[in-house]
Amino acid sequence: MVNEEGRILNNILYRKFARENKNFLGVVVGGTGSGKSWFCLTACEIWYKRYFNEEYPIENVGWNPSDIMNRIVNGNLREGEILILEEGGTSMSSLEFQNKIAKLFNYILQSFRSKNIGLIINLPNFSMLNKQTRMLMHMLFQTNNIDRANERIILVPYHLQYNQQTGKLYRHKPRVMIEGVMEKIHFISYPKPSDNLIKAYEKRKLSFVDGLSREVLDDMQEYMQKRKALSEIELLILDCWERGVFRQQDIANIISRHQVQVSKSESAMRKKGYLKEEWRKKAQINGK
């Protein structure tokens, strides 16, 4: 195990930014409470102290792709700066998150590359990124465990390599020179972030959660207002959609109506903004 306070990742970042004149795209995956956030914060904190000789700015942490885009556009970022997209997908469905991530990376391909800055996303699993996005990532970090006695996060690092001929994405263990011999790195270890950075992170996270709660409440109120505009049969049809039932004949059997009535009611619902396709997508995401 190599745990020289970020030496491996710092060397990779320095090579990407200063030598190769490129950006850096990384993803951290692991279960809830496995240390993803701690690693992202600590890795950036250590890098900023080495590269800029300053503290990591909490403004570089976002919980939504739009936050990251705003930071890129309006943040006056310097070469070597790193952004964190925290717990990607927390505030949206998996499908909506993938769509927003795709737009973000499309923007990155157009303008982010020349800025020589980094982006680290942390997620429960790698598959939450669509294939096109996964192909762009440079490194993957898999959380292994937290050594709570020493307050250190243990991770498995991988270089990612996309083969354009086969379309496959390969994982390789990083190699470093140790006592004159190139050795594979199977694990890396990081300490927890500084107390000041943790406090700033928790404050920013609380602000996000409060905003999300208000957004959810507004959506629920808007949804209930829309439901009031539906007729009795339309409400019954909507309930079927929410249960994952979409065939008109099946709906007719459940609500004890003729299929013709169901068809006419669905047409009326469409005019009111209720699109069956949206409920189908939700059902697919929820596995119904």
C-alpha atoms as a PDB file:
ATOM      1  CA  MET A   1       0.000   0.000   0.000  1.00  0.00           C
ATOM      2  CA  VAL A   2       1.268   3.466  -0.874  1.00  0.00           C
ATOM      3  CA  ASN A   3      -0.030   6.210   1.423  1.00  0.00           C
ATOM      4  CA  GLU A   4       2.359   9.141   1.022  1.00  0.00           C
ATOM      5  CA  GLU A   5      -0.474  11.624   1.301  1.00  0.00           C
ATOM      6  CA  GLY A   6      -1.551  11.722  -2.303  1.00  0.00           C
ATOM      7  CA  ARG A   7       1.762  11.210  -4.058  1.00  0.00           C
ATOM      8  CA  ILE A   8       0.383   8.924  -6.785  1.00  0.00           C
ATOM      9  CA  LEU A   9      -2.657  11.031  -7.679  1.00  0.00           C
ATOM     10  CA  ASN A  10      -0.710  14.289  -7.353  1.00  0.00           C
ATOM     11  CA  ASN A  11       1.873  13.039  -9.831  1.00  0.00           C
ATOM     12  CA  ILE A  12      -0.877  12.031 -12.259  1.00  0.00           C
ATOM     13  CA  LEU A  13      -2.590  15.419 -11.907  1.00  0.00           C
ATOM     14  CA  TYR A  14       0.684  17.279 -12.406  1.00  0.00           C
ATOM     15  CA  ARG A  15       1.429  15.265 -15.531  1.00  0.00           C
ATOM     16  CA  LYS A  16      -2.049  15.891 -16.948  1.00  0.00           C
ATOM     17  CA  PHE A  17      -2.149  19.617 -16.249  1.00  0.00           C
ATOM     18  CA  ALA A  18       1.441  20.797 -16.551  1.00  0.00           C
ATOM     19  CA  ARG A  19       3.137  18.338 -18.902  1.00  0.00           C
ATOM     20  CA  GLU A  20       0.403  17.050 -21.213  1.00  0.00           C
ATOM     21  CA  ASN A  21      -1.667  20.271 -21.209  1.00  0.00           C
ATOM     22  CA  LYS A  22      -4.882  18.285 -20.646  1.00  0.00           C
ATOM     23  CA  ASN A  23      -7.776  18.071 -18.225  1.00  0.00           C
ATOM     24  CA  PHE A  24      -8.456  15.299 -15.684  1.00  0.00           C
ATOM     25  CA  LEU A  25     -11.708  13.348 -15.328  1.00  0.00           C
ATOM     26  CA  GLY A  26     -12.110  10.934 -12.428  1.00  0.00           C
ATOM     27  CA  VAL A  27     -14.931   8.998 -10.818  1.00  0.00           C
ATOM     28  CA  VAL A  28     -15.180   7.601  -7.282  1.00  0.00           C
ATOM     29  CA  VAL A  29     -17.638   4.766  -6.621  1.00  0.00           C
ATOM     30  CA  GLY A  30     -18.754   2.968  -3.493  1.00  0.00           C
ATOM     31  CA  GLY A  31     -21.613   2.457  -1.097  1.00  0.00           C
ATOM     32  CA  THR A  32     -23.105   4.988   1.293  1.00  0.00           C
ATOM     33  CA  GLY A  33     -20.676   5.790   4.095  1.00  0.00           C
ATOM     34  CA  SER A  34     -17.702   4.188   2.339  1.00  0.00           C
ATOM     35  CA  GLY A  35     -15.634   7.383   2.282  1.00  0.00           C
ATOM     36  CA  LYS A  36     -16.286   8.725  -1.234  1.00  0.00           C
ATOM     37  CA  SER A  37     -16.829  12.303  -0.101  1.00  0.00           C
ATOM     38  CA  TRP A  38     -13.899  12.252   2.306  1.00  0.00           C
ATOM     39  CA  PHE A  39     -11.582  11.032  -0.431  1.00  0.00           C
ATOM     40  CA  CYS A  40     -12.712  13.666  -2.940  1.00  0.00           C
ATOM     41  CA  LEU A  41     -12.260  16.458  -0.424  1.00  0.00           C
ATOM     42  CA  THR A  42      -8.936  15.213   0.934  1.00  0.00           C
ATOM     43  CA  ALA A  43      -7.455  14.497  -2.507  1.00  0.00           C
ATOM     44  CA  CYS A  44      -8.315  18.026  -3.625  1.00  0.00           C
ATOM     45  CA  GLU A  45      -7.165  19.558  -0.348  1.00  0.00           C
ATOM     46  CA  ILE A  46      -3.752  17.882  -0.620  1.00  0.00           C
ATOM     47  CA  TRP A  47      -3.427  18.850  -4.299  1.00  0.00           C
ATOM     48  CA  TYR A  48      -4.261  22.504  -3.667  1.00  0.00           C
ATOM     49  CA  LYS A  49      -1.696  22.752  -0.873  1.00  0.00           C
ATOM     50  CA  ARG A  50       0.967  21.345  -3.189  1.00  0.00           C
ATOM     51  CA  TYR A  51       0.047  23.089  -6.453  1.00  0.00           C
ATOM     52  CA  PHE A  52      -1.390  26.417  -5.251  1.00  0.00           C
ATOM     53  CA  ASN A  53      -0.173  26.556  -1.649  1.00  0.00           C
ATOM     54  CA  GLU A  54      -3.704  27.396  -0.531  1.00  0.00           C
ATOM     55  CA  GLU A  55      -6.855  25.842   0.880  1.00  0.00           C
ATOM     56  CA  TYR A  56      -9.378  24.041  -1.315  1.00  0.00           C
ATOM     57  CA  PRO A  57     -12.322  26.365  -2.149  1.00  0.00           C
ATOM     58  CA  ILE A  58     -15.613  24.805  -1.094  1.00  0.00           C
ATOM     59  CA  GLU A  59     -17.276  26.686  -3.983  1.00  0.00           C
ATOM     60  CA  ASN A  60     -15.757  24.038  -6.277  1.00  0.00           C
ATOM     61  CA  VAL A  61     -18.120  21.396  -4.823  1.00  0.00           C
ATOM     62  CA  GLY A  62     -21.534  20.954  -6.460  1.00  0.00           C
ATOM     63  CA  TRP A  63     -24.440  18.536  -6.197  1.00  0.00           C
ATOM     64  CA  ASN A  64     -25.874  19.152  -9.639  1.00  0.00           C
ATOM     65  CA  PRO A  65     -24.289  19.206 -13.133  1.00  0.00           C
ATOM     66  CA  SER A  66     -25.610  22.749 -13.579  1.00  0.00           C
ATOM     67  CA  ASP A  67     -23.609  23.828 -10.500  1.00  0.00           C
ATOM     68  CA  ILE A  68     -20.443  22.528 -12.148  1.00  0.00           C
ATOM     69  CA  MET A  69     -21.219  24.235 -15.456  1.00  0.00           C
ATOM     70  CA  ASN A  70     -21.843  27.538 -13.683  1.00  0.00           C
ATOM     71  CA  ARG A  71     -18.528  27.201 -11.886  1.00  0.00           C
ATOM     72  CA  ILE A  72     -16.693  26.477 -15.136  1.00  0.00           C
ATOM     73  CA  VAL A  73     -18.305  29.449 -16.887  1.00  0.00           C
ATOM     74  CA  ASN A  74     -18.253  32.000 -14.068  1.00  0.00           C
ATOM     75  CA  GLY A  75     -15.643  30.748 -11.608  1.00  0.00           C
ATOM     76  CA  ASN A  76     -12.504  32.245 -13.204  1.00  0.00           C
ATOM     77  CA  LEU A  77     -10.804  28.879 -12.773  1.00  0.00           C
ATOM     78  CA  ARG A  78      -7.051  28.539 -13.117  1.00  0.00           C
ATOM     79  CA  GLU A  79      -5.023  25.735 -14.645  1.00  0.00           C
ATOM     80  CA  GLY A  80      -4.912  22.863 -12.172  1.00  0.00           C
ATOM     81  CA  GLU A  81      -8.192  23.576 -10.372  1.00  0.00           C
ATOM     82  CA  ILE A  82     -10.457  20.622  -9.565  1.00  0.00           C
ATOM     83  CA  LEU A  83     -14.249  20.517  -9.287  1.00  0.00           C
ATOM     84  CA  ILE A  84     -16.229  17.891  -7.386  1.00  0.00           C
ATOM     85  CA  LEU A  85     -19.690  16.686  -8.458  1.00  0.00           C
ATOM     86  CA  GLU A  86     -20.858  15.275  -5.160  1.00  0.00           C
ATOM     87  CA  GLU A  87     -23.118  12.197  -5.006  1.00  0.00           C
ATOM     88  CA  GLY A  88     -24.182  12.649  -8.618  1.00  0.00           C
ATOM     89  CA  GLY A  89     -27.866  11.880  -9.074  1.00  0.00           C
ATOM     90  CA  THR A  90     -28.964  12.664  -5.508  1.00  0.00           C
ATOM     91  CA  SER A  91     -31.529  15.182  -6.650  1.00  0.00           C
ATOM     92  CA  MET A  92     -32.847  13.479  -9.760  1.00  0.00           C
ATOM     93  CA  SER A  93     -33.800  10.163 -11.314  1.00  0.00           C
ATOM     94  CA  SER A  94     -31.097   7.994 -12.817  1.00  0.00           C
ATOM     95  CA  LEU A  95     -32.328   8.762 -16.337  1.00  0.00           C
ATOM     96  CA  GLU A  96     -32.551  12.517 -15.726  1.00  0.00           C
ATOM     97  CA  PHE A  97     -29.099  12.461 -14.133  1.00  0.00           C
ATOM     98  CA  GLN A  98     -27.619  10.675 -17.145  1.00  0.00           C
ATOM     99  CA  ASN A  99     -29.177  13.238 -19.480  1.00  0.00           C
ATOM    100  CA  LYS A 100     -27.738  16.135 -17.488  1.00  0.00           C
ATOM    101  CA  ILE A 101     -24.332  14.449 -17.208  1.00  0.00           C
ATOM    102  CA  ALA A 102     -24.345  13.889 -20.986  1.00  0.00           C
ATOM    103  CA  LYS A 103     -25.012  17.612 -21.547  1.00  0.00           C
ATOM    104  CA  LEU A 104     -22.276  18.531 -19.073  1.00  0.00           C
ATOM    105  CA  PHE A 105     -19.716  16.330 -20.775  1.00  0.00           C
ATOM    106  CA  ASN A 106     -20.763  17.586 -24.185  1.00  0.00           C
ATOM    107  CA  TYR A 107     -19.948  21.058 -22.906  1.00  0.00           C
ATOM    108  CA  ILE A 108     -16.674  19.782 -21.428  1.00  0.00           C
ATOM    109  CA  LEU A 109     -15.631  18.353 -24.789  1.00  0.00           C
ATOM    110  CA  GLN A 110     -16.227  21.735 -26.418  1.00  0.00           C
ATOM    111  CA  SER A 111     -14.582  24.100 -23.948  1.00  0.00           C
ATOM    112  CA  PHE A 112     -13.373  22.368 -20.769  1.00  0.00           C
ATOM    113  CA  ARG A 113     -10.420  20.617 -22.406  1.00  0.00           C
ATOM    114  CA  SER A 114      -8.501  23.831 -23.062  1.00  0.00           C
ATOM    115  CA  LYS A 115      -8.878  25.007 -19.465  1.00  0.00           C
ATOM    116  CA  ASN A 116      -6.616  22.280 -17.978  1.00  0.00           C
ATOM    117  CA  ILE A 117      -8.823  21.705 -14.952  1.00  0.00           C
ATOM    118  CA  GLY A 118     -10.152  18.576 -13.298  1.00  0.00           C
ATOM    119  CA  LEU A 119     -13.514  17.071 -12.434  1.00  0.00           C
ATOM    120  CA  ILE A 120     -14.125  14.267  -9.941  1.00  0.00           C
ATOM    121  CA  ILE A 121     -17.581  12.697  -9.699  1.00  0.00           C
ATOM    122  CA  ASN A 122     -18.608  10.415  -6.872  1.00  0.00           C
ATOM    123  CA  LEU A 123     -21.407   7.908  -7.375  1.00  0.00           C
ATOM    124  CA  PRO A 124     -22.811   4.732  -5.827  1.00  0.00           C
ATOM    125  CA  ASN A 125     -21.814   2.783  -8.956  1.00  0.00           C
ATOM    126  CA  PHE A 126     -20.042   3.355 -12.270  1.00  0.00           C
ATOM    127  CA  SER A 127     -23.062   2.299 -14.327  1.00  0.00           C
ATOM    128  CA  MET A 128     -24.883   5.517 -13.373  1.00  0.00           C
ATOM    129  CA  LEU A 129     -22.762   7.175 -16.045  1.00  0.00           C
ATOM    130  CA  ASN A 130     -23.826   6.409 -19.602  1.00  0.00           C
ATOM    131  CA  LYS A 131     -21.400   4.639 -21.912  1.00  0.00           C
ATOM    132  CA  GLN A 132     -20.265   7.795 -23.719  1.00  0.00           C
ATOM    133  CA  THR A 133     -19.388   9.444 -20.419  1.00  0.00           C
ATOM    134  CA  ARG A 134     -17.594   6.377 -19.046  1.00  0.00           C
ATOM    135  CA  MET A 135     -15.412   6.365 -22.173  1.00  0.00           C
ATOM    136  CA  LEU A 136     -14.126   9.848 -21.291  1.00  0.00           C
ATOM    137  CA  MET A 137     -13.014   9.113 -17.733  1.00  0.00           C
ATOM    138  CA  HIS A 138      -9.296   8.884 -16.987  1.00  0.00           C
ATOM    139  CA  MET A 139      -9.385   7.180 -13.579  1.00  0.00           C
ATOM    140  CA  LEU A 140     -11.744   5.151 -11.409  1.00  0.00           C
ATOM    141  CA  PHE A 141     -11.418   4.902  -7.626  1.00  0.00           C
ATOM    142  CA  GLN A 142     -13.310   2.139  -5.813  1.00  0.00           C
ATOM    143  CA  THR A 143     -13.712   2.659  -2.085  1.00  0.00           C
ATOM    144  CA  ASN A 144     -12.531  -0.388  -0.130  1.00  0.00           C
ATOM    145  CA  ASN A 145     -13.109   0.514   3.507  1.00  0.00           C
ATOM    146  CA  ILE A 146     -12.472   3.139   6.158  1.00  0.00           C
ATOM    147  CA  ASP A 147      -9.756   2.493   8.731  1.00  0.00           C
ATOM    148  CA  ARG A 148     -11.631   4.235  11.510  1.00  0.00           C
ATOM    149  CA  ALA A 149      -8.932   3.650  14.095  1.00  0.00           C
ATOM    150  CA  ASN A 150      -6.527   5.757  12.020  1.00  0.00           C
ATOM    151  CA  GLU A 151      -9.215   7.772  10.218  1.00  0.00           C
ATOM    152  CA  ARG A 152      -8.020   6.832   6.758  1.00  0.00           C
ATOM    153  CA  ILE A 153      -9.929   5.951   3.574  1.00  0.00           C
ATOM    154  CA  ILE A 154      -8.712   2.906   1.631  1.00  0.00           C
ATOM    155  CA  LEU A 155      -9.374   2.812  -2.131  1.00  0.00           C
ATOM    156  CA  VAL A 156      -8.519   0.729  -5.188  1.00  0.00           C
ATOM    157  CA  PRO A 157      -7.292   2.946  -8.059  1.00  0.00           C
ATOM    158  CA  TYR A 158      -7.591   2.159 -11.772  1.00  0.00           C
ATOM    159  CA  HIS A 159      -6.435   3.861 -14.939  1.00  0.00           C
ATOM    160  CA  LEU A 160      -9.200   3.631 -17.545  1.00  0.00           C
ATOM    161  CA  GLN A 161      -8.413   2.909 -21.188  1.00  0.00           C
ATOM    162  CA  TYR A 162     -10.993   2.932 -23.960  1.00  0.00           C
ATOM    163  CA  ASN A 163     -10.299   0.776 -27.026  1.00  0.00           C
ATOM    164  CA  GLN A 164     -11.863   2.502 -30.038  1.00  0.00           C
ATOM    165  CA  GLN A 165     -11.678  -0.660 -32.169  1.00  0.00           C
ATOM    166  CA  THR A 166     -13.418  -3.024 -29.745  1.00  0.00           C
ATOM    167  CA  GLY A 167     -15.503  -0.455 -27.879  1.00  0.00           C
ATOM    168  CA  LYS A 168     -14.369  -1.924 -24.559  1.00  0.00           C
ATOM    169  CA  LEU A 169     -13.220  -0.041 -21.490  1.00  0.00           C
ATOM    170  CA  TYR A 170     -10.235  -1.546 -19.699  1.00  0.00           C
ATOM    171  CA  ARG A 171      -9.048  -1.025 -16.129  1.00  0.00           C
ATOM    172  CA  HIS A 172      -5.340  -0.978 -15.293  1.00  0.00           C
ATOM    173  CA  LYS A 173      -3.614  -0.684 -11.928  1.00  0.00           C
ATOM    174  CA  PRO A 174      -1.334   2.371 -11.767  1.00  0.00           C
ATOM    175  CA  ARG A 175       2.410   1.709 -11.676  1.00  0.00           C
ATOM    176  CA  VAL A 176       5.031   3.678  -9.767  1.00  0.00           C
ATOM    177  CA  MET A 177       8.764   3.358  -9.283  1.00  0.00           C
ATOM    178  CA  ILE A 178       9.568   1.886  -5.863  1.00  0.00           C
ATOM    179  CA  GLU A 179      13.256   1.364  -5.062  1.00  0.00           C
ATOM    180  CA  GLY A 180      14.107   1.205  -8.746  1.00  0.00           C
ATOM    181  CA  VAL A 181      11.345  -1.259  -9.661  1.00  0.00           C
ATOM    182  CA  MET A 182       8.009  -0.498 -11.362  1.00  0.00           C
ATOM    183  CA  GLU A 183       5.315  -1.795  -9.024  1.00  0.00           C
ATOM    184  CA  LYS A 184       1.534  -2.050  -9.450  1.00  0.00           C
ATOM    185  CA  ILE A 185      -0.462  -0.083  -6.908  1.00  0.00           C
ATOM    186  CA  HIS A 186      -3.324  -2.162  -5.535  1.00  0.00           C
ATOM    187  CA  PHE A 187      -4.485   0.224  -2.803  1.00  0.00           C
ATOM    188  CA  ILE A 188      -4.080   3.846  -1.859  1.00  0.00           C
ATOM    189  CA  SER A 189      -4.829   5.453   1.478  1.00  0.00           C
ATOM    190  CA  TYR A 190      -5.912   8.986   2.375  1.00  0.00           C
ATOM    191  CA  PRO A 191      -6.562  10.731   5.692  1.00  0.00           C
ATOM    192  CA  LYS A 192      -9.855  12.440   6.407  1.00  0.00           C
ATOM    193  CA  PRO A 193     -10.237  16.073   5.308  1.00  0.00           C
ATOM    194  CA  SER A 194      -9.347  18.897   7.654  1.00  0.00           C
ATOM    195  CA  ASP A 195     -11.968  19.901  10.203  1.00  0.00           C
ATOM    196  CA  ASN A 196     -12.393  23.296   8.540  1.00  0.00           C
ATOM    197  CA  LEU A 197     -13.072  21.729   5.144  1.00  0.00           C
ATOM    198  CA  ILE A 198     -15.518  19.218   6.645  1.00  0.00           C
ATOM    199  CA  LYS A 199     -17.445  22.057   8.347  1.00  0.00           C
ATOM    200  CA  ALA A 200     -17.579  24.071   5.122  1.00  0.00           C
ATOM    201  CA  TYR A 201     -18.705  20.956   3.213  1.00  0.00           C
ATOM    202  CA  GLU A 202     -21.477  20.137   5.687  1.00  0.00           C
ATOM    203  CA  LYS A 203     -22.731  23.732   5.600  1.00  0.00           C
ATOM    204  CA  ARG A 204     -22.810  23.713   1.792  1.00  0.00           C
ATOM    205  CA  LYS A 205     -24.476  20.286   1.747  1.00  0.00           C
ATOM    206  CA  LEU A 206     -27.157  21.460   4.202  1.00  0.00           C
ATOM    207  CA  SER A 207     -27.895  24.420   1.944  1.00  0.00           C
ATOM    208  CA  PHE A 208     -28.308  22.041  -0.998  1.00  0.00           C
ATOM    209  CA  VAL A 209     -30.570  19.660   0.950  1.00  0.00           C
ATOM    210  CA  ASP A 210     -32.755  22.554   2.130  1.00  0.00           C
ATOM    211  CA  GLY A 211     -33.077  23.772  -1.453  1.00  0.00           C
ATOM    212  CA  LEU A 212     -33.882  20.260  -2.630  1.00  0.00           C
ATOM    213  CA  SER A 213     -36.573  19.881   0.039  1.00  0.00           C
ATOM    214  CA  ARG A 214     -38.225  23.123  -1.093  1.00  0.00           C
ATOM    215  CA  GLU A 215     -38.020  21.984  -4.709  1.00  0.00           C
ATOM    216  CA  VAL A 216     -39.642  18.641  -3.883  1.00  0.00           C
ATOM    217  CA  LEU A 217     -42.387  20.380  -1.887  1.00  0.00           C
ATOM    218  CA  ASP A 218     -43.098  22.764  -4.764  1.00  0.00           C
ATOM    219  CA  ASP A 219     -43.247  19.839  -7.192  1.00  0.00           C
ATOM    220  CA  MET A 220     -45.665  17.968  -4.914  1.00  0.00           C
ATOM    221  CA  GLN A 221     -47.923  20.994  -4.583  1.00  0.00           C
ATOM    222  CA  GLU A 222     -47.883  21.541  -8.344  1.00  0.00           C
ATOM    223  CA  TYR A 223     -48.625  17.842  -8.872  1.00  0.00           C
ATOM    224  CA  MET A 224     -51.602  17.926  -6.486  1.00  0.00           C
ATOM    225  CA  GLN A 225     -52.974  21.013  -8.230  1.00  0.00           C
ATOM    226  CA  LYS A 226     -52.786  19.209 -11.548  1.00  0.00           C
ATOM    227  CA  ARG A 227     -54.561  16.158 -10.115  1.00  0.00           C
ATOM    228  CA  LYS A 228     -57.494  18.359  -9.152  1.00  0.00           C
ATOM    229  CA  ALA A 229     -57.997  19.177 -12.836  1.00  0.00           C
ATOM    230  CA  LEU A 230     -58.537  15.502 -13.716  1.00  0.00           C
ATOM    231  CA  SER A 231     -61.886  13.783 -13.920  1.00  0.00           C
ATOM    232  CA  GLU A 232     -62.704  10.692 -11.854  1.00  0.00           C
ATOM    233  CA  ILE A 233     -61.862   8.252 -14.659  1.00  0.00           C
ATOM    234  CA  GLU A 234     -58.693  10.185 -15.496  1.00  0.00           C
ATOM    235  CA  LEU A 235     -57.550   9.904 -11.879  1.00  0.00           C
ATOM    236  CA  LEU A 236     -58.133   6.139 -12.005  1.00  0.00           C
ATOM    237  CA  ILE A 237     -56.083   5.894 -15.202  1.00  0.00           C
ATOM    238  CA  LEU A 238     -53.291   7.971 -13.627  1.00  0.00           C
ATOM    239  CA  ASP A 239     -53.222   5.610 -10.655  1.00  0.00           C
ATOM    240  CA  CYS A 240     -52.797   2.686 -13.079  1.00  0.00           C
ATOM    241  CA  TRP A 241     -49.873   4.426 -14.762  1.00  0.00           C
ATOM    242  CA  GLU A 242     -48.240   5.005 -11.398  1.00  0.00           C
ATOM    243  CA  ARG A 243     -48.573   1.271 -10.692  1.00  0.00           C
ATOM    244  CA  GLY A 244     -46.915   0.456 -14.014  1.00  0.00           C
ATOM    245  CA  VAL A 245     -50.054  -0.557 -15.934  1.00  0.00           C
ATOM    246  CA  PHE A 246     -50.206   1.005 -19.419  1.00  0.00           C
ATOM    247  CA  ARG A 247     -52.173  -1.275 -21.808  1.00  0.00           C
ATOM    248  CA  GLN A 248     -55.581   0.267 -22.343  1.00  0.00           C
ATOM    249  CA  GLN A 249     -57.372  -3.079 -22.101  1.00  0.00           C
ATOM    250  CA  ASP A 250     -55.631  -3.867 -18.801  1.00  0.00           C
ATOM    251  CA  ILE A 251     -56.549  -0.436 -17.457  1.00  0.00           C
ATOM    252  CA  ALA A 252     -60.149  -0.893 -18.597  1.00  0.00           C
ATOM    253  CA  ASN A 253     -60.349  -4.212 -16.718  1.00  0.00           C
ATOM    254  CA  ILE A 254     -58.902  -2.696 -13.539  1.00  0.00           C
ATOM    255  CA  ILE A 255     -61.148   0.380 -13.427  1.00  0.00           C
ATOM    256  CA  SER A 256     -64.235  -1.415 -14.846  1.00  0.00           C
ATOM    257  CA  ARG A 257     -64.610   0.801 -17.896  1.00  0.00           C
ATOM    258  CA  HIS A 258     -64.718   0.171 -21.636  1.00  0.00           C
ATOM    259  CA  GLN A 259     -61.447   0.426 -23.539  1.00  0.00           C
ATOM    260  CA  VAL A 260     -62.978   3.164 -25.711  1.00  0.00           C
ATOM    261  CA  GLN A 261     -63.569   5.264 -22.592  1.00  0.00           C
ATOM    262  CA  VAL A 262     -59.974   4.714 -21.515  1.00  0.00           C
ATOM    263  CA  SER A 263     -58.705   5.744 -24.935  1.00  0.00           C
ATOM    264  CA  LYS A 264     -60.771   8.952 -24.985  1.00  0.00           C
ATOM    265  CA  SER A 265     -59.739   9.799 -21.423  1.00  0.00           C
ATOM    266  CA  GLU A 266     -56.051   9.288 -22.207  1.00  0.00           C
ATOM    267  CA  SER A 267     -56.411  11.682 -25.146  1.00  0.00           C
ATOM    268  CA  ALA A 268     -57.969  14.260 -22.831  1.00  0.00           C
ATOM    269  CA  MET A 269     -55.178  13.729 -20.285  1.00  0.00           C
ATOM    270  CA  ARG A 270     -52.552  14.324 -22.957  1.00  0.00           C
ATOM    271  CA  LYS A 271     -54.090  17.724 -23.700  1.00  0.00           C
ATOM    272  CA  LYS A 272     -53.779  18.516 -19.980  1.00  0.00           C
ATOM    273  CA  GLY A 273     -50.062  17.696 -20.047  1.00  0.00           C
ATOM    274  CA  TYR A 274     -50.183  14.095 -18.799  1.00  0.00           C
ATOM    275  CA  LEU A 275     -47.987  12.080 -21.136  1.00  0.00           C
ATOM    276  CA  LYS A 276     -48.078   8.316 -20.727  1.00  0.00           C
ATOM    277  CA  GLU A 277     -44.480   8.134 -22.013  1.00  0.00           C
ATOM    278  CA  GLU A 278     -43.221   9.963 -18.925  1.00  0.00           C
ATOM    279  CA  TRP A 279     -44.805   7.412 -16.629  1.00  0.00           C
ATOM    280  CA  ARG A 280     -43.364   4.590 -18.740  1.00  0.00           C
ATOM    281  CA  LYS A 281     -39.875   6.024 -18.242  1.00  0.00           C
ATOM    282  CA  LYS A 282     -40.424   6.283 -14.481  1.00  0.00           C
ATOM    283  CA  ALA A 283     -41.645   2.686 -14.404  1.00  0.00           C
ATOM    284  CA  GLN A 284     -38.543   1.517 -16.295  1.00  0.00           C
ATOM    285  CA  ILE A 285     -36.261   3.334 -13.849  1.00  0.00           C
ATOM    286  CA  ASN A 286     -38.093   1.828 -10.856  1.00  0.00           C
ATOM    287  CA  GLY A 287     -38.089  -1.640 -12.420  1.00  0.00           C
ATOM    288  CA  LYS A 288     -41.828  -1.939 -12.801  1.00  0.00           C
END
